[in-house]
Amino acid sequence: MDNTIPMASSTSEPHPRLPTKPSTTPYWRTQPSPLDSFRSSDTAPEIVDVAIIGSGLSGACVAYHLLSDPASSITNPTIAIFESRQACSGATGRNGGHTKLAPRFIASHGSKYGPAAALEFALFLKELIGEMKECAESVVVDVEGKTLMEECEMLVTRSWDVFLDEEHAGEVEREWIEAASAMREVAKREGRDCELEWLGEVQFVKGENVEKITSIRGAKAAFSCPALSLWPYKFVLGLLQHVLNLGAKLYTLTPVTSMERVPGDTAGAKGLTALRTPRGTTLARKVIFSTNAYASNLLPQYSNTIIPGRGTACRIVRQPSTSEYTQLVNTYNIHGSASSREYLVPRPDGSIILGGGQALYREDKQRWYDMIDDGTLIEGVKEKWFEGYMGRTFRGWELSGEDERVDCVWTGIMGYTEDSFPHVGLVPGETDHFIMAGFNGSGMAMIFLVARGIARMVRGGISFEETGLPAVFKSVQERIKAVGDNAEVPTRLKAELVR
């Protein structure tokens, strides 16, 4: 390719928001795929229909939907996926490995935006679980017929939101009762009673037996809801292999360092976007930015809108012992108070993925806020929080003692927004640049269907409103804080930092 194509004024100058190297190694990345550092060719392609920046859950899912959705105005689009580091080495490869219906989030959504919006959001979350399962069952990952569901150890299960503070539990209960009642009224008034079936899958429990029901000592109340657990890295790498088989190209260790519009008088490339990488420049007809916390690297207008926040997680294993332990089967969010919670996911092998410890560092912004460094650990969390956590917290683990061992600790970078919702759709003012970023540590519960919506906008030419995505997700200028504004910790971040 002729890399001397004249360029218009730069759309994006290099911005220090690329992922750091090296990074800590999460448990999920201890069995790397052959695609981990794969490149489809030595140099970047000259021109593609769609460039996807980011190879985590967002990038892999949007590529999957682009090549799987029959409703399209583009036949067999050429797709290139660019990744700054290894495949799925960002937030997806570092998260908790579960997704859930999240009744508490639905209730708070209703309090802020009204019951109709809460119902819309609940139906979105409920659909995602079934759609991810269907995808994992249908994608075959080897010649022997092994499915992605088997490969990523996906389990359909239940999840507990457990509340340890009595006052907080009471507030959550009141909020949920009000939200559920209001959603029922909306559905009844609009003849949409059938859309309330998911309420039957949510249960709120309280009273003297909550500890025994949830296995959490000190539990005052809890929600139970549908959930999925999985090995997120293997899910993403399975999707990447699938889309490569369908013709997509993958370029790991190939950061897009800047982008520019090709001038209108450039023959054959009018209006395309030139993406500059160390392996050459690619012209793209459409660009999808799926880099979450790193979005402002190429879209500086989001620098005060999508704020990086560092979190930490670990894997806990049990040493061989004569002691008996309770084998956990549900995933958990454990709320110590209104401003503190952990997430916990039991693995099929008996190990535990635990994330959190924010109570130790949340007040010290320099340790996590607006930080993109996942190459170092957050000092003290392993020793003061993760070690001994199961014995302190779970009934049946009291005697674990030295049998409970933290064998792996890592950090990860999440992208937070002030209103707690991602930015999705066309970048304001653009016609061929799309964003899906800022998932507030809850990407596993949203991304698969957000990616489907973006793919339909890209391939089918439909509007955001026609995708069926929650209206509050739409990236509009009113949600973007002006560059130069004093970036402050968003309200939600002041209260909690969760994944």
Protein backbone atom coordinates (compact mmCIF):
# COMPACT_ATOMS: atom_id res chain seq x y z
CA MET A 1 0.00 0.00 0.00
CA ASP A 2 1.13 3.56 -0.69
CA ASN A 3 1.50 5.04 2.78
CA THR A 4 2.08 8.52 1.32
CA ILE A 5 -1.65 9.13 0.75
CA PRO A 6 -2.30 12.81 1.58
CA MET A 7 -4.31 13.19 4.77
CA ALA A 8 -6.75 15.77 5.99
CA SER A 9 -6.31 17.40 9.36
CA SER A 10 -5.93 14.69 11.96
CA THR A 11 -9.09 13.27 13.49
CA SER A 12 -7.02 11.87 16.33
CA GLU A 13 -3.54 12.58 17.60
CA PRO A 14 -1.65 10.00 19.67
CA HIS A 15 -2.99 10.08 23.22
CA PRO A 16 -1.43 8.27 26.21
CA ARG A 17 -4.27 5.81 26.71
CA LEU A 18 -2.88 2.66 25.10
CA PRO A 19 -2.73 -0.45 27.32
CA THR A 20 0.48 -0.76 29.30
CA LYS A 21 3.18 -3.37 28.77
CA PRO A 22 3.88 -5.65 30.51
CA SER A 23 0.68 -6.49 32.35
CA THR A 24 -0.14 -8.73 35.28
CA THR A 25 -1.19 -12.25 34.30
CA PRO A 26 -4.79 -13.14 35.22
CA TYR A 27 -5.80 -16.72 35.83
CA TRP A 28 -7.96 -16.65 32.69
CA ARG A 29 -4.84 -16.13 30.54
CA THR A 30 -2.76 -18.98 31.99
CA GLN A 31 -3.78 -21.26 29.10
CA PRO A 32 -3.11 -19.03 26.06
CA SER A 33 -4.72 -19.85 22.74
CA PRO A 34 -2.68 -20.23 19.52
CA LEU A 35 -4.43 -17.00 18.50
CA ASP A 36 -3.09 -15.09 21.50
CA SER A 37 -0.41 -13.28 19.45
CA PHE A 38 -1.76 -14.14 16.01
CA ARG A 39 -1.61 -11.88 12.97
CA SER A 40 -3.36 -12.72 9.73
CA SER A 41 -0.50 -11.17 7.73
CA ASP A 42 2.81 -9.44 8.38
CA THR A 43 1.44 -6.05 7.36
CA ALA A 44 -1.89 -4.37 7.99
CA PRO A 45 -4.46 -4.76 5.17
CA GLU A 46 -4.69 -1.92 2.67
CA ILE A 47 -8.45 -1.42 2.86
CA VAL A 48 -11.39 -3.02 4.70
CA ASP A 49 -15.11 -2.50 4.96
CA VAL A 50 -15.02 -2.56 8.76
CA ALA A 51 -12.15 -2.03 11.18
CA ILE A 52 -12.72 -3.15 14.76
CA ILE A 53 -10.35 -1.71 17.34
CA GLY A 54 -10.12 -4.03 20.34
CA SER A 55 -10.21 -7.83 20.57
CA GLY A 56 -11.95 -8.32 23.89
CA LEU A 57 -15.58 -9.34 24.36
CA SER A 58 -16.84 -6.25 22.51
CA GLY A 59 -14.61 -6.69 19.48
CA ALA A 60 -15.14 -10.44 19.21
CA CYS A 61 -18.93 -10.21 19.64
CA VAL A 62 -19.41 -7.40 17.13
CA ALA A 63 -17.34 -9.34 14.57
CA TYR A 64 -19.46 -12.43 15.28
CA HIS A 65 -22.70 -10.53 14.72
CA LEU A 66 -21.39 -8.76 11.61
CA LEU A 67 -20.68 -12.12 10.00
CA SER A 68 -23.72 -13.97 11.36
CA ASP A 69 -26.63 -11.54 10.94
CA PRO A 70 -28.44 -12.17 7.62
CA ALA A 71 -30.02 -8.69 7.61
CA SER A 72 -27.32 -6.69 5.87
CA SER A 73 -26.74 -4.07 3.24
CA ILE A 74 -23.11 -5.24 2.94
CA THR A 75 -22.47 -8.68 1.45
CA ASN A 76 -19.55 -10.55 3.05
CA PRO A 77 -17.87 -7.49 4.58
CA THR A 78 -14.09 -7.48 4.91
CA ILE A 79 -13.23 -7.10 8.58
CA ALA A 80 -9.94 -6.43 10.38
CA ILE A 81 -9.63 -6.59 14.17
CA PHE A 82 -6.74 -4.62 15.67
CA GLU A 83 -5.38 -5.26 19.16
CA SER A 84 -2.67 -3.30 20.98
CA ARG A 85 -1.45 -6.27 23.04
CA GLN A 86 -2.39 -9.96 22.92
CA ALA A 87 -5.92 -11.08 22.11
CA CYS A 88 -8.38 -10.50 24.96
CA SER A 89 -5.69 -9.11 27.24
CA GLY A 90 -7.78 -6.20 28.55
CA ALA A 91 -10.76 -6.09 30.89
CA THR A 92 -12.52 -9.20 29.53
CA GLY A 93 -9.46 -11.35 30.21
CA ARG A 94 -9.33 -9.98 33.75
CA ASN A 95 -12.94 -9.93 34.96
CA GLY A 96 -14.96 -12.18 37.24
CA GLY A 97 -16.32 -14.54 34.59
CA HIS A 98 -20.05 -14.19 35.18
CA THR A 99 -23.15 -12.33 34.05
CA LYS A 100 -26.53 -11.99 35.74
CA LEU A 101 -29.97 -10.42 35.62
CA ALA A 102 -28.96 -7.87 38.33
CA PRO A 103 -32.28 -6.95 40.02
CA ARG A 104 -30.63 -4.29 42.19
CA PHE A 105 -29.38 -2.45 39.10
CA ILE A 106 -32.83 -2.77 37.49
CA ALA A 107 -34.46 -1.25 40.58
CA SER A 108 -32.04 1.68 40.74
CA HIS A 109 -32.55 2.19 37.01
CA GLY A 110 -36.29 2.47 37.64
CA SER A 111 -35.79 4.99 40.43
CA LYS A 112 -33.82 7.26 38.11
CA TYR A 113 -35.49 6.79 34.71
CA GLY A 114 -38.95 5.43 35.50
CA PRO A 115 -40.63 2.01 35.36
CA ALA A 116 -40.90 1.82 31.56
CA ALA A 117 -37.14 2.27 31.21
CA ALA A 118 -36.53 -0.24 34.00
CA LEU A 119 -38.70 -2.82 32.24
CA GLU A 120 -36.86 -2.20 28.97
CA PHE A 121 -33.53 -2.70 30.72
CA ALA A 122 -34.66 -5.85 32.53
CA LEU A 123 -35.83 -7.48 29.29
CA PHE A 124 -32.49 -6.60 27.71
CA LEU A 125 -30.55 -8.29 30.52
CA LYS A 126 -32.80 -11.35 30.49
CA GLU A 127 -32.44 -11.82 26.73
CA LEU A 128 -28.66 -11.64 26.93
CA ILE A 129 -28.31 -14.78 29.04
CA GLY A 130 -30.28 -16.87 26.56
CA GLU A 131 -28.52 -15.37 23.54
CA MET A 132 -25.03 -15.99 24.92
CA LYS A 133 -25.95 -19.59 25.73
CA GLU A 134 -27.37 -20.14 22.24
CA CYS A 135 -24.22 -18.71 20.67
CA ALA A 136 -21.95 -20.90 22.79
CA GLU A 137 -23.98 -24.00 21.92
CA SER A 138 -23.88 -23.29 18.17
CA VAL A 139 -20.21 -22.40 17.67
CA VAL A 140 -17.98 -25.44 17.12
CA VAL A 141 -14.34 -24.99 18.13
CA ASP A 142 -12.61 -28.14 16.87
CA VAL A 143 -12.84 -30.93 14.30
CA GLU A 144 -14.29 -33.32 16.88
CA GLY A 145 -17.38 -31.17 17.29
CA LYS A 146 -16.60 -29.61 20.66
CA THR A 147 -18.81 -26.59 21.25
CA LEU A 148 -17.78 -23.22 22.59
CA MET A 149 -20.07 -23.89 25.56
CA GLU A 150 -17.88 -26.85 26.54
CA GLU A 151 -14.66 -25.02 25.74
CA CYS A 152 -15.39 -22.00 27.95
CA GLU A 153 -17.06 -24.10 30.70
CA MET A 154 -20.25 -22.07 30.50
CA LEU A 155 -22.77 -22.90 33.21
CA VAL A 156 -26.35 -21.72 33.54
CA THR A 157 -26.71 -21.07 37.23
CA ARG A 158 -28.05 -18.65 39.85
CA SER A 159 -26.44 -15.67 41.48
CA TRP A 160 -26.82 -14.12 44.92
CA ASP A 161 -26.66 -10.43 45.75
CA VAL A 162 -26.07 -10.63 49.50
CA PHE A 163 -26.43 -7.63 51.81
CA LEU A 164 -24.60 -7.57 55.14
CA ASP A 165 -25.75 -4.17 56.40
CA GLU A 166 -29.30 -4.21 57.76
CA GLU A 167 -30.10 -0.59 56.88
CA HIS A 168 -28.79 -1.02 53.36
CA ALA A 169 -30.77 -4.25 52.97
CA GLY A 170 -33.95 -2.42 53.96
CA GLU A 171 -33.32 0.33 51.42
CA VAL A 172 -32.72 -2.23 48.67
CA GLU A 173 -35.89 -4.12 49.56
CA ARG A 174 -38.03 -0.97 49.45
CA GLU A 175 -36.52 0.10 46.15
CA TRP A 176 -37.15 -3.32 44.62
CA ILE A 177 -40.77 -3.53 45.82
CA GLU A 178 -41.50 -0.09 44.37
CA ALA A 179 -39.77 -0.86 41.07
CA ALA A 180 -41.45 -4.25 40.62
CA SER A 181 -44.87 -2.80 41.39
CA ALA A 182 -44.38 0.10 38.98
CA MET A 183 -43.17 -2.22 36.21
CA ARG A 184 -46.24 -4.42 36.69
CA GLU A 185 -48.49 -1.38 36.34
CA VAL A 186 -46.76 -0.30 33.12
CA ALA A 187 -46.97 -3.78 31.64
CA LYS A 188 -50.63 -4.18 32.58
CA ARG A 189 -51.58 -0.75 31.23
CA GLU A 190 -49.83 -1.39 27.92
CA GLY A 191 -50.95 -5.00 27.53
CA ARG A 192 -47.43 -6.34 27.99
CA ASP A 193 -48.05 -8.78 30.85
CA CYS A 194 -46.08 -11.47 29.05
CA GLU A 195 -42.96 -9.34 29.48
CA LEU A 196 -43.10 -9.83 33.25
CA GLU A 197 -42.26 -13.53 33.24
CA TRP A 198 -38.69 -12.75 34.29
CA LEU A 199 -39.98 -11.41 37.63
CA GLY A 200 -40.83 -14.99 38.55
CA GLU A 201 -37.13 -15.83 38.33
CA VAL A 202 -36.13 -13.21 40.90
CA GLN A 203 -36.49 -13.85 44.63
CA PHE A 204 -35.76 -11.57 47.58
CA VAL A 205 -35.13 -13.36 50.87
CA LYS A 206 -34.63 -12.03 54.38
CA GLY A 207 -34.91 -13.21 57.96
CA GLU A 208 -33.05 -15.49 60.30
CA ASN A 209 -32.32 -18.17 57.69
CA VAL A 210 -30.58 -15.96 55.11
CA GLU A 211 -27.15 -17.01 56.39
CA LYS A 212 -27.96 -20.67 55.84
CA ILE A 213 -29.62 -20.07 52.47
CA THR A 214 -26.73 -18.05 51.04
CA SER A 215 -23.87 -19.60 53.08
CA ILE A 216 -22.72 -16.05 53.92
CA ARG A 217 -22.12 -15.25 57.58
CA GLY A 218 -23.82 -12.05 58.68
CA ALA A 219 -26.20 -11.95 55.71
CA LYS A 220 -29.30 -9.82 56.37
CA ALA A 221 -31.05 -10.18 53.00
CA ALA A 222 -30.36 -11.34 49.46
CA PHE A 223 -31.58 -11.46 45.87
CA SER A 224 -31.45 -14.65 43.84
CA CYS A 225 -31.52 -14.35 40.04
CA PRO A 226 -30.53 -16.18 36.82
CA ALA A 227 -26.86 -16.06 35.84
CA LEU A 228 -24.13 -17.52 33.66
CA SER A 229 -20.57 -18.31 34.63
CA LEU A 230 -17.85 -18.97 32.07
CA TRP A 231 -14.15 -18.74 31.23
CA PRO A 232 -14.25 -15.32 29.49
CA TYR A 233 -10.91 -15.57 27.68
CA LYS A 234 -11.83 -18.93 26.15
CA PHE A 235 -15.26 -17.61 25.12
CA VAL A 236 -13.68 -14.66 23.30
CA LEU A 237 -10.89 -16.69 21.70
CA GLY A 238 -13.46 -19.23 20.49
CA LEU A 239 -15.44 -16.43 18.87
CA LEU A 240 -12.28 -14.99 17.31
CA GLN A 241 -11.41 -18.37 15.79
CA HIS A 242 -14.97 -18.61 14.49
CA VAL A 243 -14.89 -15.20 12.78
CA LEU A 244 -11.45 -15.91 11.32
CA ASN A 245 -12.91 -19.06 9.79
CA LEU A 246 -15.61 -16.82 8.27
CA GLY A 247 -13.04 -14.50 6.70
CA ALA A 248 -12.20 -11.84 9.30
CA LYS A 249 -8.57 -10.86 9.91
CA LEU A 250 -6.90 -10.46 13.31
CA TYR A 251 -3.88 -8.29 14.10
CA THR A 252 -2.61 -8.59 17.67
CA LEU A 253 0.33 -6.52 18.92
CA THR A 254 -0.80 -3.94 16.37
CA PRO A 255 -2.00 -0.79 18.13
CA VAL A 256 -3.84 1.85 16.14
CA THR A 257 -1.79 4.87 17.15
CA SER A 258 -3.70 7.56 15.26
CA MET A 259 -6.41 8.01 12.64
CA GLU A 260 -7.14 10.56 9.96
CA ARG A 261 -9.73 11.30 7.32
CA VAL A 262 -8.60 10.85 3.75
CA PRO A 263 -9.17 14.12 1.83
CA GLY A 264 -12.12 14.24 -0.54
CA ASP A 265 -9.89 14.71 -3.58
CA THR A 266 -7.97 11.47 -3.02
CA ALA A 267 -8.95 9.06 -5.79
CA GLY A 268 -10.56 5.84 -4.60
CA ALA A 269 -10.38 6.68 -0.91
CA LYS A 270 -12.63 9.71 -0.50
CA GLY A 271 -13.93 10.05 3.02
CA LEU A 272 -12.40 6.82 4.32
CA THR A 273 -10.60 6.66 7.64
CA ALA A 274 -6.88 5.96 7.64
CA LEU A 275 -5.80 3.95 10.68
CA ARG A 276 -2.08 4.16 11.36
CA THR A 277 -0.35 1.17 12.98
CA PRO A 278 3.29 0.05 13.33
CA ARG A 279 2.53 -2.49 10.58
CA GLY A 280 1.20 0.00 8.06
CA THR A 281 -1.89 2.08 7.39
CA THR A 282 -5.33 0.61 6.77
CA LEU A 283 -8.17 2.48 5.07
CA ALA A 284 -11.56 1.64 6.59
CA ARG A 285 -15.03 2.45 5.35
CA LYS A 286 -16.40 2.06 8.87
CA VAL A 287 -14.66 1.93 12.23
CA ILE A 288 -15.92 0.38 15.48
CA PHE A 289 -14.20 1.53 18.66
CA SER A 290 -14.49 -1.28 21.21
CA THR A 291 -11.66 -0.38 23.56
CA ASN A 292 -13.72 0.46 26.67
CA ALA A 293 -11.53 2.40 29.14
CA TYR A 294 -9.05 3.23 26.38
CA ALA A 295 -11.61 4.86 24.08
CA SER A 296 -10.09 8.32 24.40
CA ASN A 297 -6.81 7.11 22.89
CA LEU A 298 -8.38 7.68 19.46
CA LEU A 299 -11.48 9.61 20.55
CA PRO A 300 -10.12 12.36 22.82
CA GLN A 301 -13.59 13.90 23.13
CA TYR A 302 -14.37 11.03 25.55
CA SER A 303 -11.38 11.70 27.82
CA ASN A 304 -13.51 13.25 30.58
CA THR A 305 -16.50 11.01 29.89
CA ILE A 306 -15.14 7.45 29.98
CA ILE A 307 -12.80 7.32 32.96
CA PRO A 308 -10.41 4.39 33.54
CA GLY A 309 -10.63 2.77 36.95
CA ARG A 310 -8.30 0.04 38.19
CA GLY A 311 -9.59 -2.97 40.07
CA THR A 312 -8.10 -6.21 41.30
CA ALA A 313 -9.05 -9.88 41.53
CA CYS A 314 -7.56 -13.20 42.53
CA ARG A 315 -7.96 -16.95 42.33
CA ILE A 316 -8.31 -18.90 45.56
CA VAL A 317 -7.53 -22.62 45.68
CA ARG A 318 -7.96 -25.21 48.41
CA GLN A 319 -5.06 -27.42 49.34
CA PRO A 320 -5.59 -31.19 49.74
CA SER A 321 -6.98 -31.71 53.21
CA THR A 322 -9.04 -34.03 55.29
CA SER A 323 -11.39 -31.13 56.05
CA GLU A 324 -14.72 -30.94 54.27
CA TYR A 325 -15.76 -27.72 52.55
CA THR A 326 -19.00 -26.46 51.12
CA GLN A 327 -18.78 -26.70 47.31
CA LEU A 328 -20.27 -23.46 46.01
CA VAL A 329 -22.49 -23.57 42.93
CA ASN A 330 -23.82 -19.99 42.68
CA THR A 331 -22.03 -16.76 41.79
CA TYR A 332 -22.11 -13.86 44.25
CA ASN A 333 -22.00 -10.14 44.74
CA ILE A 334 -21.47 -9.52 48.45
CA HIS A 335 -22.42 -6.04 49.63
CA GLY A 336 -20.69 -5.08 52.85
CA SER A 337 -22.46 -1.73 52.73
CA ALA A 338 -24.00 0.65 50.21
CA SER A 339 -20.46 1.60 49.16
CA SER A 340 -18.61 -1.71 49.23
CA ARG A 341 -19.07 -5.02 47.46
CA GLU A 342 -17.13 -8.02 46.22
CA TYR A 343 -17.82 -10.43 43.39
CA LEU A 344 -17.18 -14.14 43.66
CA VAL A 345 -17.42 -16.91 41.06
CA PRO A 346 -16.87 -20.60 41.89
CA ARG A 347 -15.04 -22.56 39.22
CA PRO A 348 -15.92 -26.15 38.19
CA ASP A 349 -12.52 -27.28 39.53
CA GLY A 350 -13.43 -26.02 43.01
CA SER A 351 -11.31 -22.87 42.90
CA ILE A 352 -12.77 -19.40 43.49
CA ILE A 353 -12.44 -16.17 41.52
CA LEU A 354 -12.73 -13.24 43.93
CA GLY A 355 -12.61 -9.56 43.07
CA GLY A 356 -12.92 -6.44 45.15
CA GLY A 357 -11.09 -5.17 48.20
CA GLN A 358 -12.07 -1.59 47.34
CA ALA A 359 -12.54 -0.74 51.00
CA LEU A 360 -8.75 -0.79 51.35
CA TYR A 361 -7.93 1.68 48.58
CA ARG A 362 -11.03 3.51 47.35
CA GLU A 363 -10.25 6.70 49.27
CA ASP A 364 -6.75 6.90 47.76
CA LYS A 365 -7.51 7.97 44.18
CA GLN A 366 -3.89 7.70 43.09
CA ARG A 367 -4.10 3.93 43.43
CA TRP A 368 -6.96 3.41 40.98
CA TYR A 369 -8.68 6.49 39.56
CA ASP A 370 -7.97 7.53 35.94
CA MET A 371 -5.30 4.83 35.84
CA ILE A 372 -4.49 2.53 32.90
CA ASP A 373 -1.66 0.55 34.50
CA ASP A 374 -2.62 -3.11 34.85
CA GLY A 375 1.04 -4.11 35.05
CA THR A 376 1.30 -3.64 38.82
CA LEU A 377 -0.72 -4.88 41.78
CA ILE A 378 -2.60 -2.76 44.30
CA GLU A 379 -0.44 -3.00 47.40
CA GLY A 380 -1.87 -4.74 50.42
CA VAL A 381 -5.08 -6.14 48.94
CA LYS A 382 -3.83 -9.71 48.70
CA GLU A 383 -2.51 -9.84 52.27
CA LYS A 384 -5.18 -7.75 53.98
CA TRP A 385 -8.29 -8.78 52.04
CA PHE A 386 -8.03 -11.78 49.72
CA GLU A 387 -6.07 -14.08 52.04
CA GLY A 388 -8.44 -15.84 54.43
CA TYR A 389 -11.52 -14.30 52.79
CA MET A 390 -13.41 -17.56 52.34
CA GLY A 391 -12.87 -18.63 55.94
CA ARG A 392 -14.02 -15.24 57.22
CA THR A 393 -17.07 -15.03 54.99
CA PHE A 394 -18.56 -18.44 54.14
CA ARG A 395 -20.26 -20.93 56.40
CA GLY A 396 -18.52 -24.27 56.06
CA TRP A 397 -15.14 -22.68 55.37
CA GLU A 398 -14.35 -21.65 58.95
CA LEU A 399 -11.65 -24.30 59.39
CA SER A 400 -10.01 -23.75 56.03
CA GLY A 401 -6.96 -22.07 57.60
CA GLU A 402 -3.83 -22.77 55.63
CA ASP A 403 -5.79 -24.97 53.21
CA GLU A 404 -7.09 -21.77 51.59
CA ARG A 405 -4.44 -20.19 49.35
CA VAL A 406 -4.40 -17.23 46.96
CA ASP A 407 -2.42 -18.52 43.99
CA CYS A 408 -2.90 -15.72 41.46
CA VAL A 409 -3.57 -11.96 41.74
CA TRP A 410 -4.00 -9.45 38.94
CA THR A 411 -5.30 -6.01 38.11
CA GLY A 412 -7.57 -4.81 35.31
CA ILE A 413 -8.82 -1.53 33.90
CA MET A 414 -12.53 -0.73 33.69
CA GLY A 415 -14.20 2.18 31.93
CA TYR A 416 -16.63 4.27 34.00
CA THR A 417 -19.20 6.87 33.02
CA GLU A 418 -20.93 9.43 35.20
CA ASP A 419 -24.43 8.07 34.57
CA SER A 420 -23.39 4.39 34.90
CA PHE A 421 -24.31 3.51 31.29
CA PRO A 422 -22.09 2.71 28.31
CA HIS A 423 -21.70 4.90 25.25
CA VAL A 424 -23.14 3.04 22.28
CA GLY A 425 -23.89 3.90 18.66
CA LEU A 426 -22.53 6.49 16.29
CA VAL A 427 -19.89 8.81 17.67
CA PRO A 428 -21.76 12.15 17.76
CA GLY A 429 -21.11 14.10 14.58
CA GLU A 430 -19.90 11.06 12.63
CA THR A 431 -21.60 8.83 10.07
CA ASP A 432 -19.20 5.88 9.96
CA HIS A 433 -17.53 5.78 13.38
CA PHE A 434 -19.25 3.64 16.02
CA ILE A 435 -18.52 3.28 19.71
CA MET A 436 -19.29 0.67 22.35
CA ALA A 437 -17.35 1.55 25.48
CA GLY A 438 -17.66 2.59 29.11
CA PHE A 439 -19.36 -0.47 30.57
CA ASN A 440 -18.81 0.47 34.23
CA GLY A 441 -17.49 -2.94 35.19
CA SER A 442 -20.70 -4.63 33.99
CA GLY A 443 -19.77 -5.41 30.40
CA MET A 444 -20.46 -9.13 30.68
CA ALA A 445 -24.13 -8.31 31.31
CA MET A 446 -24.47 -6.04 28.28
CA ILE A 447 -21.86 -6.49 25.56
CA PHE A 448 -23.20 -9.47 23.61
CA LEU A 449 -26.47 -7.68 22.76
CA VAL A 450 -24.89 -4.24 22.45
CA ALA A 451 -22.57 -5.77 19.85
CA ARG A 452 -25.57 -7.17 17.98
CA GLY A 453 -27.12 -3.70 17.90
CA ILE A 454 -23.91 -2.09 16.63
CA ALA A 455 -23.54 -4.78 13.96
CA ARG A 456 -27.05 -4.08 12.71
CA MET A 457 -26.30 -0.37 12.52
CA VAL A 458 -23.10 -1.05 10.60
CA ARG A 459 -24.38 -3.73 8.23
CA GLY A 460 -28.05 -2.92 7.97
CA GLY A 461 -27.82 0.84 8.07
CA ILE A 462 -30.48 1.12 10.78
CA SER A 463 -30.68 3.84 13.43
CA PHE A 464 -29.82 3.35 17.09
CA GLU A 465 -33.52 3.54 17.93
CA GLU A 466 -34.23 0.57 15.63
CA THR A 467 -31.73 -1.70 17.41
CA GLY A 468 -33.91 -2.24 20.47
CA LEU A 469 -31.06 -1.26 22.80
CA PRO A 470 -31.95 0.73 25.93
CA ALA A 471 -32.27 4.40 25.00
CA VAL A 472 -29.98 5.50 27.84
CA PHE A 473 -27.04 3.72 26.16
CA LYS A 474 -27.01 6.04 23.14
CA SER A 475 -23.89 8.16 22.88
CA VAL A 476 -25.13 11.72 22.42
CA GLN A 477 -23.33 15.01 22.78
CA GLU A 478 -25.25 15.84 25.95
CA ARG A 479 -23.58 12.89 27.70
CA ILE A 480 -20.07 13.87 26.64
CA LYS A 481 -18.24 16.23 28.98
CA ALA A 482 -16.28 18.90 27.12
CA VAL A 483 -12.55 18.28 26.88
CA GLY A 484 -10.93 20.67 29.29
CA ASP A 485 -13.69 20.43 31.88
CA ASN A 486 -12.42 19.51 35.30
CA ALA A 487 -12.69 15.74 35.40
CA GLU A 488 -14.16 14.74 38.74
CA VAL A 489 -14.86 11.33 40.18
CA PRO A 490 -18.33 10.44 38.88
CA THR A 491 -20.98 10.11 41.58
CA ARG A 492 -21.16 6.33 41.22
CA LEU A 493 -17.39 6.01 41.52
CA LYS A 494 -17.43 7.93 44.78
CA ALA A 495 -19.72 5.28 46.19
CA GLU A 496 -18.31 2.10 44.73
CA LEU A 497 -15.82 0.58 42.36
CA VAL A 498 -17.02 -2.78 41.14
CA ARG A 499 -16.48 -5.18 38.32
